[in-house]
């Protein structure tokens, strides 16, 4: 399919373009996973579990959310 035909289908919003995509080679830059281990005191783990339960997510999710927020905030304050 030519790019202009694909663009037309996409822009119209009326036709499904997913079947025209090669999803076998999709990747998410900077989204690769890297496992890390962190030792935390019991009180921290319990606090994380309470907050995760309150929000309705897993412990891992609450940690990821908070780290992302903190890193984004640090990035914003580091800009001149």
N, C-alpha and C. Protein backbone atom coordinates (compact mmCIF):
# COMPACT_ATOMS: atom_id res chain seq x y z
N UNK A 1 0.85 -1.17 0.00
CA UNK A 1 0.00 0.00 0.00
C UNK A 1 0.89 1.23 0.00
N UNK A 2 0.51 2.20 -0.75
CA UNK A 2 1.27 3.45 -0.81
C UNK A 2 0.95 4.29 0.42
N UNK A 3 1.91 5.11 0.80
CA UNK A 3 1.76 5.94 1.99
C UNK A 3 0.55 6.86 1.90
N UNK A 4 0.30 7.41 0.72
CA UNK A 4 -0.83 8.33 0.59
C UNK A 4 -2.16 7.60 0.79
N UNK A 5 -2.22 6.33 0.36
CA UNK A 5 -3.44 5.54 0.57
C UNK A 5 -3.63 5.21 2.05
N UNK A 6 -2.53 4.88 2.70
CA UNK A 6 -2.59 4.59 4.14
C UNK A 6 -3.01 5.85 4.90
N UNK A 7 -2.41 6.98 4.57
CA UNK A 7 -2.77 8.26 5.21
C UNK A 7 -4.25 8.57 5.03
N UNK A 8 -4.77 8.32 3.83
CA UNK A 8 -6.17 8.59 3.55
C UNK A 8 -7.06 7.72 4.44
N UNK A 9 -6.71 6.43 4.56
CA UNK A 9 -7.50 5.54 5.42
C UNK A 9 -7.44 5.99 6.87
N UNK A 10 -6.25 6.36 7.30
CA UNK A 10 -6.08 6.80 8.69
C UNK A 10 -6.86 8.08 8.95
N UNK A 11 -6.71 9.04 8.08
CA UNK A 11 -7.36 10.34 8.27
C UNK A 11 -8.88 10.26 8.21
N UNK A 12 -9.40 9.33 7.43
CA UNK A 12 -10.85 9.22 7.32
C UNK A 12 -11.46 8.72 8.63
N UNK A 13 -10.71 7.89 9.35
CA UNK A 13 -11.21 7.35 10.61
C UNK A 13 -12.32 6.35 10.44
N UNK A 14 -12.66 6.03 9.22
CA UNK A 14 -13.77 5.11 8.95
C UNK A 14 -13.31 3.71 8.59
N UNK A 15 -12.03 3.57 8.30
CA UNK A 15 -11.51 2.27 7.88
C UNK A 15 -10.51 1.76 8.90
N UNK A 16 -10.48 0.44 9.06
CA UNK A 16 -9.55 -0.19 9.99
C UNK A 16 -8.17 -0.25 9.33
N UNK A 17 -7.17 0.34 10.00
CA UNK A 17 -5.82 0.33 9.43
C UNK A 17 -4.92 -0.71 10.09
N UNK A 18 -5.39 -1.32 11.17
CA UNK A 18 -4.54 -2.27 11.91
C UNK A 18 -4.12 -3.43 11.02
N UNK A 19 -5.02 -3.90 10.17
CA UNK A 19 -4.67 -5.02 9.29
C UNK A 19 -3.59 -4.64 8.28
N UNK A 20 -3.40 -3.35 8.07
CA UNK A 20 -2.37 -2.89 7.14
C UNK A 20 -1.01 -2.70 7.79
N UNK A 21 -0.92 -2.90 9.09
CA UNK A 21 0.33 -2.70 9.82
C UNK A 21 1.05 -4.02 10.03
N UNK A 22 2.37 -3.98 10.03
CA UNK A 22 3.18 -5.14 10.34
C UNK A 22 3.49 -5.08 11.84
N UNK A 23 2.68 -5.75 12.64
CA UNK A 23 2.84 -5.68 14.09
C UNK A 23 3.92 -6.62 14.61
N UNK A 24 4.47 -7.46 13.76
CA UNK A 24 5.49 -8.41 14.21
C UNK A 24 6.78 -7.71 14.62
N UNK A 25 7.03 -6.54 14.07
CA UNK A 25 8.29 -5.86 14.36
C UNK A 25 8.11 -4.63 15.24
N UNK A 26 6.98 -4.52 15.91
CA UNK A 26 6.75 -3.37 16.78
C UNK A 26 7.70 -3.39 17.97
N UNK A 27 8.13 -2.21 18.36
CA UNK A 27 8.93 -2.09 19.58
C UNK A 27 8.56 -0.78 20.26
N UNK A 28 8.86 -0.69 21.53
CA UNK A 28 8.58 0.52 22.29
C UNK A 28 9.91 1.07 22.79
N UNK A 29 10.47 2.05 22.10
CA UNK A 29 11.77 2.60 22.51
C UNK A 29 11.74 3.08 23.95
N UNK A 30 12.80 2.82 24.66
CA UNK A 30 12.96 3.19 26.07
C UNK A 30 11.93 2.54 26.99
N UNK A 31 11.29 1.48 26.54
CA UNK A 31 10.31 0.80 27.36
C UNK A 31 10.72 -0.65 27.65
N UNK A 32 11.95 -1.01 27.28
CA UNK A 32 12.43 -2.35 27.59
C UNK A 32 12.47 -2.51 29.11
N UNK A 33 12.21 -3.70 29.57
CA UNK A 33 12.19 -3.94 31.01
C UNK A 33 13.56 -4.38 31.51
N UNK A 34 13.89 -3.97 32.69
CA UNK A 34 15.12 -4.36 33.38
C UNK A 34 14.73 -4.66 34.81
N UNK A 35 14.96 -5.88 35.23
CA UNK A 35 14.59 -6.28 36.59
C UNK A 35 15.63 -5.75 37.58
N UNK A 36 15.14 -5.17 38.67
CA UNK A 36 16.00 -4.71 39.75
C UNK A 36 15.46 -5.25 41.07
N UNK A 37 16.34 -5.44 42.00
CA UNK A 37 15.95 -5.89 43.34
C UNK A 37 16.26 -4.78 44.33
N UNK A 38 15.31 -4.52 45.20
CA UNK A 38 15.48 -3.48 46.21
C UNK A 38 15.05 -4.06 47.55
N UNK A 39 15.92 -3.97 48.53
CA UNK A 39 15.58 -4.42 49.87
C UNK A 39 14.97 -3.25 50.63
N UNK A 40 13.77 -3.47 51.18
CA UNK A 40 13.06 -2.42 51.90
C UNK A 40 12.72 -2.92 53.30
N UNK A 41 12.67 -2.00 54.26
CA UNK A 41 12.23 -2.41 55.60
C UNK A 41 10.75 -2.81 55.56
N UNK A 42 10.37 -3.68 56.47
CA UNK A 42 9.02 -4.21 56.52
C UNK A 42 7.97 -3.10 56.59
N UNK A 43 8.22 -2.06 57.38
CA UNK A 43 7.23 -0.99 57.50
C UNK A 43 6.95 -0.32 56.16
N UNK A 44 7.99 -0.24 55.30
CA UNK A 44 7.81 0.37 53.98
C UNK A 44 6.96 -0.52 53.08
N UNK A 45 7.24 -1.80 53.12
CA UNK A 45 6.47 -2.74 52.31
C UNK A 45 5.01 -2.73 52.73
N UNK A 46 4.77 -2.71 54.04
CA UNK A 46 3.39 -2.67 54.53
C UNK A 46 2.70 -1.37 54.12
N UNK A 47 3.41 -0.26 54.19
CA UNK A 47 2.84 1.02 53.77
C UNK A 47 2.54 1.02 52.27
N UNK A 48 3.46 0.47 51.49
CA UNK A 48 3.23 0.35 50.05
C UNK A 48 2.00 -0.49 49.75
N UNK A 49 1.86 -1.60 50.47
CA UNK A 49 0.72 -2.48 50.26
C UNK A 49 -0.60 -1.79 50.61
N UNK A 50 -0.60 -1.04 51.70
CA UNK A 50 -1.82 -0.31 52.09
C UNK A 50 -2.20 0.72 51.02
N UNK A 51 -1.22 1.48 50.56
CA UNK A 51 -1.50 2.50 49.55
C UNK A 51 -1.91 1.87 48.23
N UNK A 52 -1.24 0.79 47.84
CA UNK A 52 -1.61 0.10 46.60
C UNK A 52 -3.04 -0.41 46.69
N UNK A 53 -3.41 -0.96 47.82
CA UNK A 53 -4.76 -1.46 48.02
C UNK A 53 -5.78 -0.32 47.97
N UNK A 54 -5.43 0.78 48.57
CA UNK A 54 -6.32 1.95 48.57
C UNK A 54 -6.58 2.44 47.16
N UNK A 55 -5.53 2.47 46.34
CA UNK A 55 -5.64 2.96 44.98
C UNK A 55 -6.20 1.88 44.04
N UNK A 56 -6.06 0.62 44.44
CA UNK A 56 -6.57 -0.48 43.63
C UNK A 56 -5.59 -0.99 42.60
N UNK A 57 -4.30 -0.94 42.95
CA UNK A 57 -3.26 -1.45 42.06
C UNK A 57 -2.34 -2.38 42.84
N UNK A 58 -1.39 -2.97 42.16
CA UNK A 58 -0.43 -3.84 42.82
C UNK A 58 0.69 -3.03 43.47
N UNK A 59 1.44 -3.67 44.33
CA UNK A 59 2.60 -3.01 44.94
C UNK A 59 3.57 -2.54 43.86
N UNK A 60 3.83 -3.40 42.89
CA UNK A 60 4.76 -3.03 41.82
C UNK A 60 4.25 -1.81 41.07
N UNK A 61 2.96 -1.75 40.81
CA UNK A 61 2.40 -0.61 40.08
C UNK A 61 2.53 0.69 40.86
N UNK A 62 2.27 0.65 42.17
CA UNK A 62 2.37 1.88 42.96
C UNK A 62 3.83 2.37 43.00
N UNK A 63 4.76 1.43 43.08
CA UNK A 63 6.18 1.81 43.07
C UNK A 63 6.53 2.45 41.73
N UNK A 64 6.10 1.83 40.63
CA UNK A 64 6.39 2.39 39.31
C UNK A 64 5.76 3.76 39.14
N UNK A 65 4.52 3.92 39.58
CA UNK A 65 3.84 5.21 39.45
C UNK A 65 4.58 6.29 40.21
N UNK A 66 4.94 5.98 41.47
CA UNK A 66 5.62 6.99 42.28
C UNK A 66 7.00 7.32 41.75
N UNK A 67 7.73 6.30 41.29
CA UNK A 67 9.05 6.57 40.72
C UNK A 67 8.93 7.43 39.46
N UNK A 68 7.96 7.11 38.61
CA UNK A 68 7.77 7.89 37.38
C UNK A 68 7.43 9.34 37.71
N UNK A 69 6.54 9.54 38.70
CA UNK A 69 6.18 10.90 39.11
C UNK A 69 7.40 11.66 39.63
N UNK A 70 8.17 11.01 40.47
CA UNK A 70 9.34 11.65 41.05
C UNK A 70 10.38 11.98 39.99
N UNK A 71 10.63 11.04 39.07
CA UNK A 71 11.61 11.28 38.02
C UNK A 71 11.15 12.39 37.08
N UNK A 72 9.86 12.43 36.77
CA UNK A 72 9.33 13.49 35.92
C UNK A 72 9.46 14.84 36.60
N UNK A 73 9.15 14.87 37.88
CA UNK A 73 9.26 16.10 38.66
C UNK A 73 10.73 16.56 38.72
N UNK A 74 11.64 15.63 38.94
CA UNK A 74 13.06 15.98 39.00
C UNK A 74 13.54 16.50 37.65
N UNK A 75 13.02 15.92 36.57
CA UNK A 75 13.40 16.36 35.23
C UNK A 75 12.92 17.79 34.99
N UNK A 76 11.71 18.09 35.45
CA UNK A 76 11.14 19.44 35.26
C UNK A 76 11.92 20.48 36.05
N UNK A 77 12.36 20.15 37.25
CA UNK A 77 13.08 21.13 38.07
C UNK A 77 14.54 21.27 37.63
N UNK A 78 15.06 20.31 36.90
CA UNK A 78 16.46 20.38 36.45
C UNK A 78 16.63 21.24 35.22
N UNK A 79 15.53 21.58 34.56
CA UNK A 79 15.62 22.41 33.35
C UNK A 79 15.93 23.86 33.74
N UNK A 80 16.82 24.49 32.96
CA UNK A 80 17.18 25.88 33.27
C UNK A 80 16.06 26.85 33.02
